[in-house]
Amino acid sequence: MATILIADDNASEIALMTRVVKDMGHQSLAVTNGQECLEMAEKMKPDLILLDIVMPRLDGFNTCRKLKATESTANIPVIIVTSKNAESDQFWGQRQGASAYLVKPFDPQGLRDAIERFLS
């Protein structure tokens, strides 16, 4: 069983991602902003992070960049799950170190496939 950190400021999105994670047999943790994501990742060392872009305090791009620049969290795969669907956003997400980029509304099977790809 893996631990997956979900960082999103929308409660319904957290609930949807949590259901997918739990249905896969994994444990989830949830935070609502980028700063909390950094703190929780450092403390809990999750196996994977699902990260929104548009969040208070610290956006997902900056959060991802900081995660990848920190030795203790640099190797944690980050899947960006966001409503920002422009090609430039996807490019920027990859430049920050994201392992994958999914656009909301996401397909639950697509999220499962992405999670499995980085946990196996």
N, C-alpha and C. Protein backbone atom coordinates (compact mmCIF):
# COMPACT_ATOMS: atom_id res chain seq x y z
N MET A 1 0.84 -1.18 0.00
CA MET A 1 0.00 0.00 0.00
C MET A 1 0.89 1.24 0.00
N ALA A 2 0.61 2.13 -0.92
CA ALA A 2 1.36 3.37 -1.04
C ALA A 2 0.61 4.50 -0.33
N THR A 3 1.36 5.55 -0.01
CA THR A 3 0.77 6.77 0.54
C THR A 3 0.84 7.84 -0.54
N ILE A 4 -0.32 8.43 -0.84
CA ILE A 4 -0.42 9.44 -1.89
C ILE A 4 -0.91 10.74 -1.27
N LEU A 5 -0.15 11.80 -1.49
CA LEU A 5 -0.50 13.12 -0.99
C LEU A 5 -1.28 13.86 -2.07
N ILE A 6 -2.47 14.34 -1.71
CA ILE A 6 -3.33 15.10 -2.62
C ILE A 6 -3.29 16.56 -2.19
N ALA A 7 -2.89 17.44 -3.09
CA ALA A 7 -2.85 18.88 -2.80
C ALA A 7 -3.80 19.59 -3.76
N ASP A 8 -4.94 20.03 -3.23
CA ASP A 8 -5.96 20.70 -4.04
C ASP A 8 -6.81 21.54 -3.09
N ASP A 9 -7.23 22.71 -3.53
CA ASP A 9 -8.03 23.58 -2.67
C ASP A 9 -9.53 23.38 -2.85
N ASN A 10 -9.93 22.41 -3.66
CA ASN A 10 -11.34 22.14 -3.91
C ASN A 10 -11.73 20.83 -3.24
N ALA A 11 -12.65 20.91 -2.27
CA ALA A 11 -13.04 19.73 -1.48
C ALA A 11 -13.62 18.62 -2.35
N SER A 12 -14.39 18.96 -3.37
CA SER A 12 -14.98 17.90 -4.20
C SER A 12 -13.91 17.21 -5.05
N GLU A 13 -12.92 17.95 -5.50
CA GLU A 13 -11.82 17.33 -6.25
C GLU A 13 -11.01 16.42 -5.34
N ILE A 14 -10.76 16.86 -4.10
CA ILE A 14 -10.06 16.01 -3.14
C ILE A 14 -10.85 14.72 -2.92
N ALA A 15 -12.17 14.83 -2.78
CA ALA A 15 -13.00 13.66 -2.56
C ALA A 15 -12.93 12.69 -3.74
N LEU A 16 -12.96 13.21 -4.96
CA LEU A 16 -12.87 12.35 -6.15
C LEU A 16 -11.52 11.63 -6.21
N MET A 17 -10.44 12.37 -6.00
CA MET A 17 -9.11 11.75 -6.05
C MET A 17 -8.92 10.76 -4.91
N THR A 18 -9.44 11.10 -3.74
CA THR A 18 -9.34 10.20 -2.58
C THR A 18 -10.05 8.89 -2.87
N ARG A 19 -11.21 8.95 -3.49
CA ARG A 19 -11.94 7.72 -3.83
C ARG A 19 -11.12 6.84 -4.77
N VAL A 20 -10.52 7.43 -5.81
CA VAL A 20 -9.70 6.66 -6.74
C VAL A 20 -8.54 6.00 -6.00
N VAL A 21 -7.86 6.79 -5.17
CA VAL A 21 -6.70 6.29 -4.41
C VAL A 21 -7.12 5.14 -3.49
N LYS A 22 -8.19 5.32 -2.76
CA LYS A 22 -8.65 4.28 -1.83
C LYS A 22 -9.13 3.04 -2.56
N ASP A 23 -9.83 3.22 -3.68
CA ASP A 23 -10.28 2.08 -4.48
C ASP A 23 -9.11 1.26 -5.01
N MET A 24 -7.95 1.90 -5.16
CA MET A 24 -6.74 1.20 -5.60
C MET A 24 -6.03 0.51 -4.44
N GLY A 25 -6.52 0.75 -3.23
CA GLY A 25 -5.92 0.12 -2.06
C GLY A 25 -4.80 0.91 -1.42
N HIS A 26 -4.73 2.20 -1.75
CA HIS A 26 -3.68 3.05 -1.20
C HIS A 26 -4.25 4.00 -0.14
N GLN A 27 -3.35 4.58 0.63
CA GLN A 27 -3.72 5.56 1.65
C GLN A 27 -3.54 6.95 1.05
N SER A 28 -4.44 7.89 1.43
CA SER A 28 -4.30 9.26 0.95
C SER A 28 -4.19 10.23 2.12
N LEU A 29 -3.49 11.31 1.85
CA LEU A 29 -3.40 12.46 2.75
C LEU A 29 -3.83 13.65 1.91
N ALA A 30 -4.47 14.64 2.50
CA ALA A 30 -4.92 15.79 1.72
C ALA A 30 -4.52 17.10 2.39
N VAL A 31 -4.10 18.05 1.55
CA VAL A 31 -3.80 19.41 1.98
C VAL A 31 -4.44 20.36 0.99
N THR A 32 -4.59 21.63 1.38
CA THR A 32 -5.34 22.55 0.54
C THR A 32 -4.52 23.71 -0.04
N ASN A 33 -3.22 23.68 0.13
CA ASN A 33 -2.39 24.71 -0.51
C ASN A 33 -0.96 24.20 -0.69
N GLY A 34 -0.21 24.93 -1.50
CA GLY A 34 1.14 24.51 -1.82
C GLY A 34 2.08 24.47 -0.64
N GLN A 35 1.96 25.42 0.26
CA GLN A 35 2.83 25.45 1.43
C GLN A 35 2.60 24.22 2.31
N GLU A 36 1.33 23.87 2.52
CA GLU A 36 1.03 22.65 3.29
C GLU A 36 1.55 21.41 2.58
N CYS A 37 1.51 21.41 1.26
CA CYS A 37 2.02 20.29 0.48
C CYS A 37 3.51 20.10 0.74
N LEU A 38 4.26 21.18 0.70
CA LEU A 38 5.71 21.10 0.97
C LEU A 38 5.97 20.54 2.37
N GLU A 39 5.25 21.06 3.34
CA GLU A 39 5.45 20.63 4.73
C GLU A 39 5.07 19.16 4.92
N MET A 40 3.94 18.75 4.35
CA MET A 40 3.49 17.36 4.50
C MET A 40 4.42 16.41 3.75
N ALA A 41 4.89 16.80 2.58
CA ALA A 41 5.79 15.95 1.81
C ALA A 41 7.09 15.73 2.58
N GLU A 42 7.59 16.78 3.19
CA GLU A 42 8.83 16.68 3.98
C GLU A 42 8.62 15.78 5.19
N LYS A 43 7.48 15.91 5.84
CA LYS A 43 7.20 15.16 7.06
C LYS A 43 6.86 13.69 6.79
N MET A 44 6.00 13.44 5.79
CA MET A 44 5.45 12.09 5.58
C MET A 44 6.15 11.29 4.48
N LYS A 45 6.89 11.94 3.61
CA LYS A 45 7.58 11.27 2.49
C LYS A 45 6.62 10.35 1.72
N PRO A 46 5.57 10.92 1.11
CA PRO A 46 4.61 10.09 0.38
C PRO A 46 5.28 9.42 -0.83
N ASP A 47 4.62 8.40 -1.33
CA ASP A 47 5.15 7.67 -2.50
C ASP A 47 4.85 8.41 -3.80
N LEU A 48 3.84 9.31 -3.76
CA LEU A 48 3.42 10.04 -4.95
C LEU A 48 2.61 11.25 -4.51
N ILE A 49 2.64 12.30 -5.33
CA ILE A 49 1.87 13.52 -5.03
C ILE A 49 0.97 13.85 -6.22
N LEU A 50 -0.32 14.10 -5.93
CA LEU A 50 -1.27 14.63 -6.91
C LEU A 50 -1.41 16.11 -6.61
N LEU A 51 -1.05 16.97 -7.56
CA LEU A 51 -0.88 18.39 -7.28
C LEU A 51 -1.69 19.26 -8.22
N ASP A 52 -2.56 20.09 -7.65
CA ASP A 52 -3.29 21.10 -8.42
C ASP A 52 -2.36 22.28 -8.68
N ILE A 53 -2.69 23.09 -9.67
CA ILE A 53 -1.88 24.28 -9.96
C ILE A 53 -2.42 25.51 -9.25
N VAL A 54 -3.72 25.76 -9.39
CA VAL A 54 -4.31 26.99 -8.84
C VAL A 54 -4.72 26.73 -7.40
N MET A 55 -3.85 27.18 -6.48
CA MET A 55 -4.09 27.02 -5.04
C MET A 55 -3.60 28.27 -4.32
N PRO A 56 -4.14 28.51 -3.12
CA PRO A 56 -3.67 29.66 -2.33
C PRO A 56 -2.29 29.43 -1.74
N ARG A 57 -1.69 30.50 -1.30
CA ARG A 57 -0.39 30.55 -0.60
C ARG A 57 0.80 30.23 -1.50
N LEU A 58 0.73 29.14 -2.25
CA LEU A 58 1.83 28.78 -3.16
C LEU A 58 1.22 27.93 -4.26
N ASP A 59 1.36 28.38 -5.51
CA ASP A 59 0.72 27.63 -6.60
C ASP A 59 1.45 26.32 -6.87
N GLY A 60 0.83 25.48 -7.67
CA GLY A 60 1.38 24.16 -7.94
C GLY A 60 2.70 24.17 -8.69
N PHE A 61 2.89 25.12 -9.60
CA PHE A 61 4.15 25.20 -10.33
C PHE A 61 5.31 25.45 -9.36
N ASN A 62 5.15 26.44 -8.49
CA ASN A 62 6.19 26.75 -7.51
C ASN A 62 6.37 25.60 -6.51
N THR A 63 5.27 24.97 -6.13
CA THR A 63 5.35 23.85 -5.20
C THR A 63 6.15 22.71 -5.82
N CYS A 64 5.85 22.38 -7.07
CA CYS A 64 6.56 21.30 -7.76
C CYS A 64 8.05 21.63 -7.87
N ARG A 65 8.37 22.85 -8.24
CA ARG A 65 9.77 23.25 -8.37
C ARG A 65 10.49 23.10 -7.04
N LYS A 66 9.85 23.51 -5.94
CA LYS A 66 10.48 23.41 -4.62
C LYS A 66 10.62 21.95 -4.18
N LEU A 67 9.62 21.13 -4.49
CA LEU A 67 9.72 19.70 -4.15
C LEU A 67 10.91 19.08 -4.86
N LYS A 68 11.08 19.40 -6.13
CA LYS A 68 12.16 18.80 -6.92
C LYS A 68 13.53 19.37 -6.57
N ALA A 69 13.56 20.56 -5.97
CA ALA A 69 14.82 21.17 -5.58
C ALA A 69 15.27 20.76 -4.18
N THR A 70 14.41 20.06 -3.45
CA THR A 70 14.71 19.63 -2.09
C THR A 70 15.15 18.17 -2.12
N GLU A 71 16.31 17.89 -1.60
CA GLU A 71 16.88 16.55 -1.70
C GLU A 71 15.96 15.46 -1.16
N SER A 72 15.29 15.71 -0.04
CA SER A 72 14.47 14.69 0.59
C SER A 72 13.15 14.41 -0.15
N THR A 73 12.74 15.31 -1.04
CA THR A 73 11.48 15.12 -1.78
C THR A 73 11.68 15.06 -3.29
N ALA A 74 12.88 15.22 -3.75
CA ALA A 74 13.16 15.32 -5.19
C ALA A 74 12.74 14.09 -5.98
N ASN A 75 12.76 12.92 -5.38
CA ASN A 75 12.46 11.70 -6.12
C ASN A 75 11.01 11.26 -6.01
N ILE A 76 10.17 12.04 -5.35
CA ILE A 76 8.75 11.71 -5.26
C ILE A 76 8.08 12.10 -6.58
N PRO A 77 7.44 11.14 -7.27
CA PRO A 77 6.74 11.50 -8.51
C PRO A 77 5.59 12.47 -8.23
N VAL A 78 5.46 13.47 -9.09
CA VAL A 78 4.39 14.47 -8.98
C VAL A 78 3.52 14.40 -10.23
N ILE A 79 2.24 14.14 -10.03
CA ILE A 79 1.28 14.19 -11.12
C ILE A 79 0.45 15.45 -10.95
N ILE A 80 0.56 16.36 -11.90
CA ILE A 80 -0.25 17.57 -11.85
C ILE A 80 -1.65 17.22 -12.34
N VAL A 81 -2.66 17.61 -11.55
CA VAL A 81 -4.07 17.40 -11.90
C VAL A 81 -4.73 18.77 -11.80
N THR A 82 -5.03 19.39 -12.94
CA THR A 82 -5.45 20.78 -12.94
C THR A 82 -6.45 21.09 -14.05
N SER A 83 -7.14 22.20 -13.90
CA SER A 83 -8.04 22.66 -14.96
C SER A 83 -7.29 23.48 -16.01
N LYS A 84 -6.03 23.81 -15.75
CA LYS A 84 -5.23 24.59 -16.70
C LYS A 84 -4.82 23.66 -17.84
N ASN A 85 -5.44 23.85 -19.01
CA ASN A 85 -5.25 22.89 -20.09
C ASN A 85 -4.48 23.43 -21.30
N ALA A 86 -3.89 24.60 -21.19
CA ALA A 86 -3.12 25.14 -22.31
C ALA A 86 -1.82 24.35 -22.48
N GLU A 87 -1.39 24.25 -23.72
CA GLU A 87 -0.15 23.54 -24.01
C GLU A 87 1.03 24.16 -23.25
N SER A 88 1.02 25.48 -23.11
CA SER A 88 2.10 26.15 -22.38
C SER A 88 2.10 25.76 -20.90
N ASP A 89 0.91 25.54 -20.31
CA ASP A 89 0.83 25.10 -18.92
C ASP A 89 1.43 23.71 -18.77
N GLN A 90 1.11 22.82 -19.71
CA GLN A 90 1.66 21.46 -19.65
C GLN A 90 3.17 21.50 -19.80
N PHE A 91 3.66 22.31 -20.71
CA PHE A 91 5.10 22.45 -20.90
C PHE A 91 5.75 22.98 -19.62
N TRP A 92 5.14 23.99 -19.02
CA TRP A 92 5.69 24.59 -17.81
C TRP A 92 5.68 23.59 -16.66
N GLY A 93 4.62 22.78 -16.55
CA GLY A 93 4.56 21.74 -15.52
C GLY A 93 5.71 20.75 -15.66
N GLN A 94 5.99 20.34 -16.88
CA GLN A 94 7.10 19.41 -17.10
C GLN A 94 8.43 20.08 -16.76
N ARG A 95 8.57 21.35 -17.09
CA ARG A 95 9.81 22.08 -16.77
C ARG A 95 10.05 22.18 -15.27
N GLN A 96 8.96 22.16 -14.49
CA GLN A 96 9.10 22.24 -13.03
C GLN A 96 9.41 20.87 -12.42
N GLY A 97 9.35 19.81 -13.23
CA GLY A 97 9.70 18.49 -12.75
C GLY A 97 8.55 17.52 -12.60
N ALA A 98 7.35 17.90 -13.05
CA ALA A 98 6.20 16.99 -12.94
C ALA A 98 6.42 15.74 -13.79
N SER A 99 6.00 14.61 -13.26
CA SER A 99 6.12 13.34 -13.97
C SER A 99 5.01 13.16 -14.99
N ALA A 100 3.83 13.73 -14.71
CA ALA A 100 2.69 13.62 -15.62
C ALA A 100 1.78 14.82 -15.40
N TYR A 101 0.88 15.05 -16.37
CA TYR A 101 -0.01 16.21 -16.34
C TYR A 101 -1.38 15.74 -16.79
N LEU A 102 -2.38 15.80 -15.90
CA LEU A 102 -3.75 15.43 -16.21
C LEU A 102 -4.64 16.67 -16.10
N VAL A 103 -5.58 16.78 -17.02
CA VAL A 103 -6.47 17.93 -17.05
C VAL A 103 -7.83 17.56 -16.45
N LYS A 104 -8.35 18.44 -15.58
CA LYS A 104 -9.68 18.28 -15.00
C LYS A 104 -10.71 18.75 -16.02
N PRO A 105 -11.88 18.17 -16.06
CA PRO A 105 -12.25 17.02 -15.24
C PRO A 105 -11.51 15.78 -15.73
N PHE A 106 -10.89 15.08 -14.80
CA PHE A 106 -10.09 13.93 -15.17
C PHE A 106 -10.95 12.67 -15.24
N ASP A 107 -10.51 11.75 -16.05
CA ASP A 107 -11.14 10.45 -16.15
C ASP A 107 -10.56 9.58 -15.03
N PRO A 108 -11.39 9.01 -14.15
CA PRO A 108 -10.86 8.20 -13.06
C PRO A 108 -9.91 7.10 -13.53
N GLN A 109 -10.21 6.48 -14.67
CA GLN A 109 -9.31 5.43 -15.17
C GLN A 109 -7.97 6.03 -15.59
N GLY A 110 -8.00 7.20 -16.17
CA GLY A 110 -6.75 7.87 -16.54
C GLY A 110 -5.90 8.19 -15.32
N LEU A 111 -6.56 8.61 -14.24
CA LEU A 111 -5.83 8.88 -12.99
C LEU A 111 -5.26 7.58 -12.43
N ARG A 112 -6.07 6.51 -12.44
CA ARG A 112 -5.56 5.20 -11.97
C ARG A 112 -4.34 4.77 -12.78
N ASP A 113 -4.43 4.90 -14.10
CA ASP A 113 -3.33 4.50 -14.96
C ASP A 113 -2.06 5.29 -14.65
N ALA A 114 -2.21 6.60 -14.46
CA ALA A 114 -1.04 7.43 -14.13
C ALA A 114 -0.44 7.05 -12.80
N ILE A 115 -1.28 6.81 -11.80
CA ILE A 115 -0.80 6.42 -10.49
C ILE A 115 -0.05 5.09 -10.59
N GLU A 116 -0.66 4.12 -11.26
CA GLU A 116 -0.01 2.81 -11.40
C GLU A 116 1.33 2.91 -12.11
N ARG A 117 1.41 3.77 -13.12
CA ARG A 117 2.66 3.92 -13.89
C ARG A 117 3.82 4.35 -13.00
N PHE A 118 3.53 5.19 -12.01
CA PHE A 118 4.61 5.72 -11.18
C PHE A 118 4.81 4.96 -9.86
N LEU A 119 3.90 4.05 -9.53
CA LEU A 119 4.07 3.27 -8.32
C LEU A 119 4.57 1.87 -8.59
N SER A 120 4.59 1.46 -9.85
CA SER A 120 5.04 0.09 -10.13
C SER A 120 6.50 0.02 -10.51
